[in-house]
Every structure is written in C-alpha cells, then in structure tokens.
Amino acid sequence: MIYLLMIYANEADWTTKTEAEMAPIMAEHERLERDLRSAGKYKGCGGLAPTSSATTLRIQSGKPIVTDGPFAETKEAFGGYYLVDAKDLDEALSFAGRIPGFGNRAVEIRPVLDFRT
C-alpha cells in the first residue's frame, strides 16, 4: 500500500537556521531517501516553501476566491512529505520515525487511495 508521510513542524525551526545548521538534517533526509530507494519503497518526497509563499483557492457559491497564505494559523505547518510503498501501517510508521528535523514535529501517516481498481 502507498502511504503519504506528511511532515509538520514549526517553520521558525527551519527558516532561522543557517546552511551549516541545516546540513546534518539534510544529510539525514538524503540517507533516508537513499535507503527507501534501495529497498524499493521510495515513491517520492519533497519539501515545501514557507507558508508565506502560499496561495489558497476556495470555491464559495460556485465562485473562486483566492487569498494569500494558508487557511489555518498554527505553530506547526505542513513542510514536506515522503510517499512510500509500505506493506502495512507498522512499516509506514517505521519509515516516519526516521524522518529527521529540528525540535518538536509531527508526521501524519495516511494511506493513499487507489481509485483505479
């Protein structure tokens, strides 16, 4: 089954770091991606620009409304993801537990539905 591992963290933990401070964390992400690829579990991953760069589109009464920024104000923002092929939730949790970062963070794990079957 394909799982989406969504990484939520305090943006300030990322946007205030120097390149030297980021290097060890990024090396851990590279290691995790390499391990997932070699195990045939990797389906994709990526990081997101800060929420200050976001645009939200809503449809209200059939009309599009475009606003700057995300909808919710929160200390934790969706900052990146891994898409993995895991045999079950336990394996997906083991991958999620390896995702590095600064300070407190959360990883939301969700199965990806396949509507083609």
N, C-alpha and C. Protein backbone atom coordinates (compact mmCIF):
# COMPACT_ATOMS: atom_id res chain seq x y z
N MET A 1 0.84 -1.17 0.00
CA MET A 1 0.00 0.00 0.00
C MET A 1 0.89 1.24 0.00
N ILE A 2 0.44 2.26 -0.68
CA ILE A 2 1.18 3.53 -0.72
C ILE A 2 0.69 4.40 0.45
N TYR A 3 1.66 4.98 1.17
CA TYR A 3 1.37 5.86 2.29
C TYR A 3 2.02 7.23 2.04
N LEU A 4 1.31 8.27 2.43
CA LEU A 4 1.85 9.62 2.42
C LEU A 4 2.25 9.98 3.84
N LEU A 5 3.52 10.31 4.03
CA LEU A 5 4.04 10.71 5.34
C LEU A 5 4.19 12.23 5.31
N MET A 6 3.29 12.94 5.96
CA MET A 6 3.27 14.41 5.92
C MET A 6 3.98 14.96 7.14
N ILE A 7 4.97 15.80 6.91
CA ILE A 7 5.81 16.34 7.98
C ILE A 7 5.28 17.71 8.39
N TYR A 8 4.97 17.85 9.67
CA TYR A 8 4.52 19.12 10.24
C TYR A 8 5.54 19.57 11.28
N ALA A 9 5.95 20.83 11.19
CA ALA A 9 6.92 21.36 12.14
C ALA A 9 6.75 22.86 12.25
N ASN A 10 7.39 23.43 13.24
CA ASN A 10 7.40 24.88 13.40
C ASN A 10 8.30 25.46 12.33
N GLU A 11 7.74 26.31 11.47
CA GLU A 11 8.53 26.88 10.37
C GLU A 11 9.75 27.65 10.86
N ALA A 12 9.64 28.27 12.01
CA ALA A 12 10.77 29.04 12.55
C ALA A 12 11.98 28.15 12.79
N ASP A 13 11.73 26.88 13.10
CA ASP A 13 12.84 25.94 13.29
C ASP A 13 13.63 25.76 12.01
N TRP A 14 13.00 26.00 10.86
CA TRP A 14 13.67 25.81 9.57
C TRP A 14 14.13 27.14 8.97
N THR A 15 13.31 28.16 9.06
CA THR A 15 13.62 29.41 8.37
C THR A 15 14.68 30.24 9.07
N THR A 16 15.00 29.92 10.31
CA THR A 16 16.00 30.69 11.04
C THR A 16 17.36 30.00 11.10
N LYS A 17 17.48 28.83 10.52
CA LYS A 17 18.72 28.07 10.57
C LYS A 17 19.68 28.49 9.46
N THR A 18 20.97 28.43 9.76
CA THR A 18 21.98 28.69 8.75
C THR A 18 22.15 27.43 7.89
N GLU A 19 22.83 27.58 6.79
CA GLU A 19 23.11 26.44 5.93
C GLU A 19 23.90 25.38 6.67
N ALA A 20 24.84 25.82 7.51
CA ALA A 20 25.65 24.87 8.29
C ALA A 20 24.80 24.11 9.31
N GLU A 21 23.83 24.79 9.90
CA GLU A 21 22.94 24.13 10.86
C GLU A 21 22.00 23.15 10.16
N MET A 22 21.64 23.46 8.92
CA MET A 22 20.72 22.60 8.16
C MET A 22 21.42 21.36 7.60
N ALA A 23 22.71 21.45 7.36
CA ALA A 23 23.44 20.39 6.67
C ALA A 23 23.27 19.00 7.28
N PRO A 24 23.41 18.83 8.61
CA PRO A 24 23.26 17.47 9.15
C PRO A 24 21.85 16.91 8.98
N ILE A 25 20.84 17.76 9.10
CA ILE A 25 19.45 17.30 8.94
C ILE A 25 19.21 16.91 7.48
N MET A 26 19.70 17.73 6.55
CA MET A 26 19.51 17.42 5.14
C MET A 26 20.27 16.14 4.77
N ALA A 27 21.41 15.90 5.37
CA ALA A 27 22.15 14.66 5.13
C ALA A 27 21.34 13.45 5.60
N GLU A 28 20.63 13.60 6.72
CA GLU A 28 19.78 12.51 7.21
C GLU A 28 18.61 12.26 6.25
N HIS A 29 18.03 13.34 5.70
CA HIS A 29 16.96 13.18 4.70
C HIS A 29 17.51 12.44 3.47
N GLU A 30 18.69 12.80 3.03
CA GLU A 30 19.30 12.13 1.88
C GLU A 30 19.53 10.65 2.18
N ARG A 31 19.97 10.34 3.39
CA ARG A 31 20.21 8.94 3.78
C ARG A 31 18.89 8.16 3.77
N LEU A 32 17.84 8.76 4.34
CA LEU A 32 16.54 8.09 4.36
C LEU A 32 16.04 7.85 2.94
N GLU A 33 16.15 8.86 2.08
CA GLU A 33 15.71 8.68 0.69
C GLU A 33 16.51 7.57 0.00
N ARG A 34 17.81 7.56 0.20
CA ARG A 34 18.67 6.53 -0.39
C ARG A 34 18.26 5.13 0.09
N ASP A 35 18.01 5.00 1.41
CA ASP A 35 17.59 3.72 1.97
C ASP A 35 16.25 3.27 1.40
N LEU A 36 15.30 4.19 1.30
CA LEU A 36 13.99 3.85 0.75
C LEU A 36 14.10 3.44 -0.72
N ARG A 37 14.93 4.15 -1.46
CA ARG A 37 15.13 3.79 -2.88
C ARG A 37 15.73 2.39 -3.01
N SER A 38 16.77 2.12 -2.22
CA SER A 38 17.45 0.82 -2.35
C SER A 38 16.54 -0.32 -1.92
N ALA A 39 15.58 -0.06 -1.04
CA ALA A 39 14.63 -1.09 -0.60
C ALA A 39 13.41 -1.18 -1.52
N GLY A 40 13.35 -0.33 -2.55
CA GLY A 40 12.20 -0.34 -3.45
C GLY A 40 10.94 0.25 -2.84
N LYS A 41 11.08 1.03 -1.79
CA LYS A 41 9.94 1.59 -1.07
C LYS A 41 9.66 3.05 -1.43
N TYR A 42 10.58 3.70 -2.13
CA TYR A 42 10.51 5.12 -2.43
C TYR A 42 9.55 5.39 -3.58
N LYS A 43 8.64 6.34 -3.39
CA LYS A 43 7.73 6.76 -4.45
C LYS A 43 7.85 8.25 -4.72
N GLY A 44 8.48 8.99 -3.81
CA GLY A 44 8.67 10.42 -4.00
C GLY A 44 8.81 11.12 -2.66
N CYS A 45 9.36 12.33 -2.70
CA CYS A 45 9.43 13.15 -1.50
C CYS A 45 9.67 14.59 -1.92
N GLY A 46 9.48 15.50 -1.00
CA GLY A 46 9.73 16.89 -1.31
C GLY A 46 9.51 17.77 -0.10
N GLY A 47 10.10 18.94 -0.17
CA GLY A 47 9.91 19.95 0.85
C GLY A 47 9.10 21.10 0.26
N LEU A 48 8.49 21.87 1.11
CA LEU A 48 7.65 22.98 0.67
C LEU A 48 8.27 24.31 1.07
N ALA A 49 8.02 25.32 0.26
CA ALA A 49 8.43 26.68 0.60
C ALA A 49 7.62 27.12 1.82
N PRO A 50 8.06 28.16 2.54
CA PRO A 50 7.33 28.62 3.73
C PRO A 50 5.89 29.01 3.42
N THR A 51 5.05 28.96 4.43
CA THR A 51 3.63 29.28 4.25
C THR A 51 3.41 30.71 3.75
N SER A 52 4.38 31.59 3.98
CA SER A 52 4.26 32.97 3.49
C SER A 52 4.19 33.02 1.97
N SER A 53 4.61 31.95 1.29
CA SER A 53 4.56 31.91 -0.17
C SER A 53 3.29 31.24 -0.69
N ALA A 54 2.43 30.78 0.21
CA ALA A 54 1.25 30.00 -0.18
C ALA A 54 0.12 30.89 -0.70
N THR A 55 -0.69 30.29 -1.55
CA THR A 55 -1.93 30.89 -2.03
C THR A 55 -3.01 29.84 -1.84
N THR A 56 -4.18 30.27 -1.39
CA THR A 56 -5.29 29.35 -1.16
C THR A 56 -6.44 29.70 -2.10
N LEU A 57 -6.97 28.69 -2.77
CA LEU A 57 -8.14 28.84 -3.63
C LEU A 57 -9.31 28.16 -2.96
N ARG A 58 -10.39 28.88 -2.80
CA ARG A 58 -11.63 28.33 -2.25
C ARG A 58 -12.74 28.53 -3.26
N ILE A 59 -13.66 27.61 -3.28
CA ILE A 59 -14.84 27.77 -4.11
C ILE A 59 -16.01 28.02 -3.16
N GLN A 60 -16.59 29.20 -3.28
CA GLN A 60 -17.74 29.56 -2.44
C GLN A 60 -18.87 29.99 -3.35
N SER A 61 -20.01 29.32 -3.21
CA SER A 61 -21.18 29.58 -4.06
C SER A 61 -20.80 29.48 -5.54
N GLY A 62 -19.94 28.52 -5.85
CA GLY A 62 -19.55 28.29 -7.23
C GLY A 62 -18.53 29.25 -7.79
N LYS A 63 -18.04 30.19 -6.98
CA LYS A 63 -17.07 31.17 -7.45
C LYS A 63 -15.73 31.00 -6.75
N PRO A 64 -14.64 31.14 -7.52
CA PRO A 64 -13.32 31.01 -6.91
C PRO A 64 -12.95 32.25 -6.11
N ILE A 65 -12.37 32.04 -4.94
CA ILE A 65 -11.86 33.12 -4.11
C ILE A 65 -10.41 32.78 -3.80
N VAL A 66 -9.52 33.68 -4.17
CA VAL A 66 -8.08 33.45 -3.99
C VAL A 66 -7.58 34.36 -2.87
N THR A 67 -6.87 33.76 -1.89
CA THR A 67 -6.29 34.53 -0.80
C THR A 67 -4.83 34.14 -0.63
N ASP A 68 -4.06 35.08 -0.09
CA ASP A 68 -2.66 34.79 0.21
C ASP A 68 -2.57 33.96 1.47
N GLY A 69 -1.61 33.06 1.49
CA GLY A 69 -1.31 32.30 2.70
C GLY A 69 -2.18 31.08 2.87
N PRO A 70 -1.86 30.32 3.91
CA PRO A 70 -2.66 29.12 4.23
C PRO A 70 -3.93 29.51 4.96
N PHE A 71 -4.85 28.56 5.07
CA PHE A 71 -6.12 28.82 5.73
C PHE A 71 -5.96 28.93 7.24
N ALA A 72 -5.26 28.00 7.83
CA ALA A 72 -5.18 27.92 9.29
C ALA A 72 -3.93 28.61 9.81
N GLU A 73 -4.09 29.29 10.92
CA GLU A 73 -2.92 29.82 11.62
C GLU A 73 -2.56 28.81 12.70
N THR A 74 -1.35 28.32 12.61
CA THR A 74 -0.92 27.27 13.51
C THR A 74 0.58 27.36 13.71
N LYS A 75 1.07 26.81 14.78
CA LYS A 75 2.52 26.79 15.00
C LYS A 75 3.19 25.74 14.15
N GLU A 76 2.48 24.66 13.85
CA GLU A 76 3.03 23.61 13.00
C GLU A 76 2.46 23.76 11.60
N ALA A 77 3.33 23.76 10.61
CA ALA A 77 2.90 23.88 9.23
C ALA A 77 3.36 22.65 8.45
N PHE A 78 2.60 22.30 7.44
CA PHE A 78 2.96 21.20 6.56
C PHE A 78 4.18 21.64 5.76
N GLY A 79 5.30 20.95 5.96
CA GLY A 79 6.55 21.41 5.37
C GLY A 79 7.18 20.48 4.37
N GLY A 80 6.74 19.24 4.33
CA GLY A 80 7.32 18.30 3.39
C GLY A 80 6.65 16.94 3.50
N TYR A 81 7.07 16.04 2.63
CA TYR A 81 6.42 14.74 2.61
C TYR A 81 7.34 13.67 2.03
N TYR A 82 7.00 12.44 2.34
CA TYR A 82 7.54 11.25 1.70
C TYR A 82 6.36 10.43 1.22
N LEU A 83 6.47 9.87 0.04
CA LEU A 83 5.48 8.94 -0.48
C LEU A 83 6.18 7.59 -0.55
N VAL A 84 5.68 6.62 0.20
CA VAL A 84 6.37 5.34 0.34
C VAL A 84 5.42 4.17 0.06
N ASP A 85 6.00 3.08 -0.35
CA ASP A 85 5.27 1.83 -0.53
C ASP A 85 5.60 0.96 0.67
N ALA A 86 4.64 0.80 1.56
CA ALA A 86 4.86 0.01 2.79
C ALA A 86 3.89 -1.17 2.82
N LYS A 87 4.35 -2.27 3.40
CA LYS A 87 3.50 -3.46 3.44
C LYS A 87 2.30 -3.27 4.36
N ASP A 88 2.46 -2.37 5.38
CA ASP A 88 1.37 -2.12 6.31
C ASP A 88 1.67 -0.84 7.10
N LEU A 89 0.76 -0.48 7.98
CA LEU A 89 0.93 0.74 8.77
C LEU A 89 2.17 0.67 9.65
N ASP A 90 2.48 -0.48 10.19
CA ASP A 90 3.67 -0.61 11.04
C ASP A 90 4.94 -0.25 10.27
N GLU A 91 5.03 -0.72 9.04
CA GLU A 91 6.21 -0.39 8.25
C GLU A 91 6.22 1.11 7.92
N ALA A 92 5.07 1.68 7.59
CA ALA A 92 4.98 3.12 7.32
C ALA A 92 5.39 3.92 8.56
N LEU A 93 4.98 3.47 9.73
CA LEU A 93 5.38 4.13 10.98
C LEU A 93 6.88 4.05 11.20
N SER A 94 7.49 2.93 10.82
CA SER A 94 8.94 2.81 10.99
C SER A 94 9.67 3.80 10.08
N PHE A 95 9.16 4.00 8.86
CA PHE A 95 9.76 5.00 7.97
C PHE A 95 9.56 6.39 8.54
N ALA A 96 8.35 6.69 9.00
CA ALA A 96 8.04 8.01 9.55
C ALA A 96 8.92 8.33 10.75
N GLY A 97 9.22 7.34 11.56
CA GLY A 97 10.06 7.55 12.73
C GLY A 97 11.50 7.90 12.39
N ARG A 98 11.90 7.68 11.16
CA ARG A 98 13.26 8.02 10.74
C ARG A 98 13.38 9.42 10.14
N ILE A 99 12.27 10.11 9.97
CA ILE A 99 12.31 11.43 9.35
C ILE A 99 12.94 12.43 10.32
N PRO A 100 14.05 13.04 9.91
CA PRO A 100 14.76 13.96 10.81
C PRO A 100 14.15 15.35 10.80
N GLY A 101 14.52 16.14 11.78
CA GLY A 101 14.07 17.53 11.84
C GLY A 101 14.58 18.20 13.10
N PHE A 102 14.15 19.42 13.30
CA PHE A 102 14.52 20.19 14.49
C PHE A 102 13.35 20.20 15.47
N GLY A 103 13.65 20.17 16.76
CA GLY A 103 12.63 20.35 17.79
C GLY A 103 11.47 19.38 17.67
N ASN A 104 10.33 19.82 18.17
CA ASN A 104 9.12 19.01 18.11
C ASN A 104 8.55 19.03 16.70
N ARG A 105 8.05 17.90 16.27
CA ARG A 105 7.42 17.82 14.97
C ARG A 105 6.44 16.65 14.97
N ALA A 106 5.62 16.62 13.96
CA ALA A 106 4.65 15.54 13.82
C ALA A 106 4.72 15.02 12.39
N VAL A 107 4.46 13.73 12.24
CA VAL A 107 4.36 13.14 10.91
C VAL A 107 3.00 12.45 10.85
N GLU A 108 2.16 12.95 9.96
CA GLU A 108 0.84 12.35 9.74
C GLU A 108 0.99 11.29 8.66
N ILE A 109 0.47 10.10 8.93
CA ILE A 109 0.60 8.97 8.01
C ILE A 109 -0.78 8.62 7.49
N ARG A 110 -0.91 8.64 6.15
CA ARG A 110 -2.22 8.30 5.56
C ARG A 110 -2.05 7.39 4.37
N PRO A 111 -2.90 6.37 4.28
CA PRO A 111 -2.90 5.56 3.06
C PRO A 111 -3.37 6.41 1.89
N VAL A 112 -2.79 6.16 0.73
CA VAL A 112 -3.22 6.81 -0.49
C VAL A 112 -4.21 5.88 -1.17
N LEU A 113 -5.39 6.38 -1.45
CA LEU A 113 -6.43 5.56 -2.05
C LEU A 113 -6.16 5.39 -3.54
N ASP A 114 -6.40 4.21 -4.04
CA ASP A 114 -6.24 3.93 -5.46
C ASP A 114 -7.64 3.73 -6.04
N PHE A 115 -8.12 4.73 -6.74
CA PHE A 115 -9.48 4.67 -7.30
C PHE A 115 -9.52 3.98 -8.66
N ARG A 116 -8.36 3.55 -9.13
CA ARG A 116 -8.31 2.89 -10.43
C ARG A 116 -8.76 1.43 -10.35
N THR A 117 -8.82 0.88 -9.15
CA THR A 117 -9.16 -0.55 -9.04
C THR A 117 -10.63 -0.75 -8.77
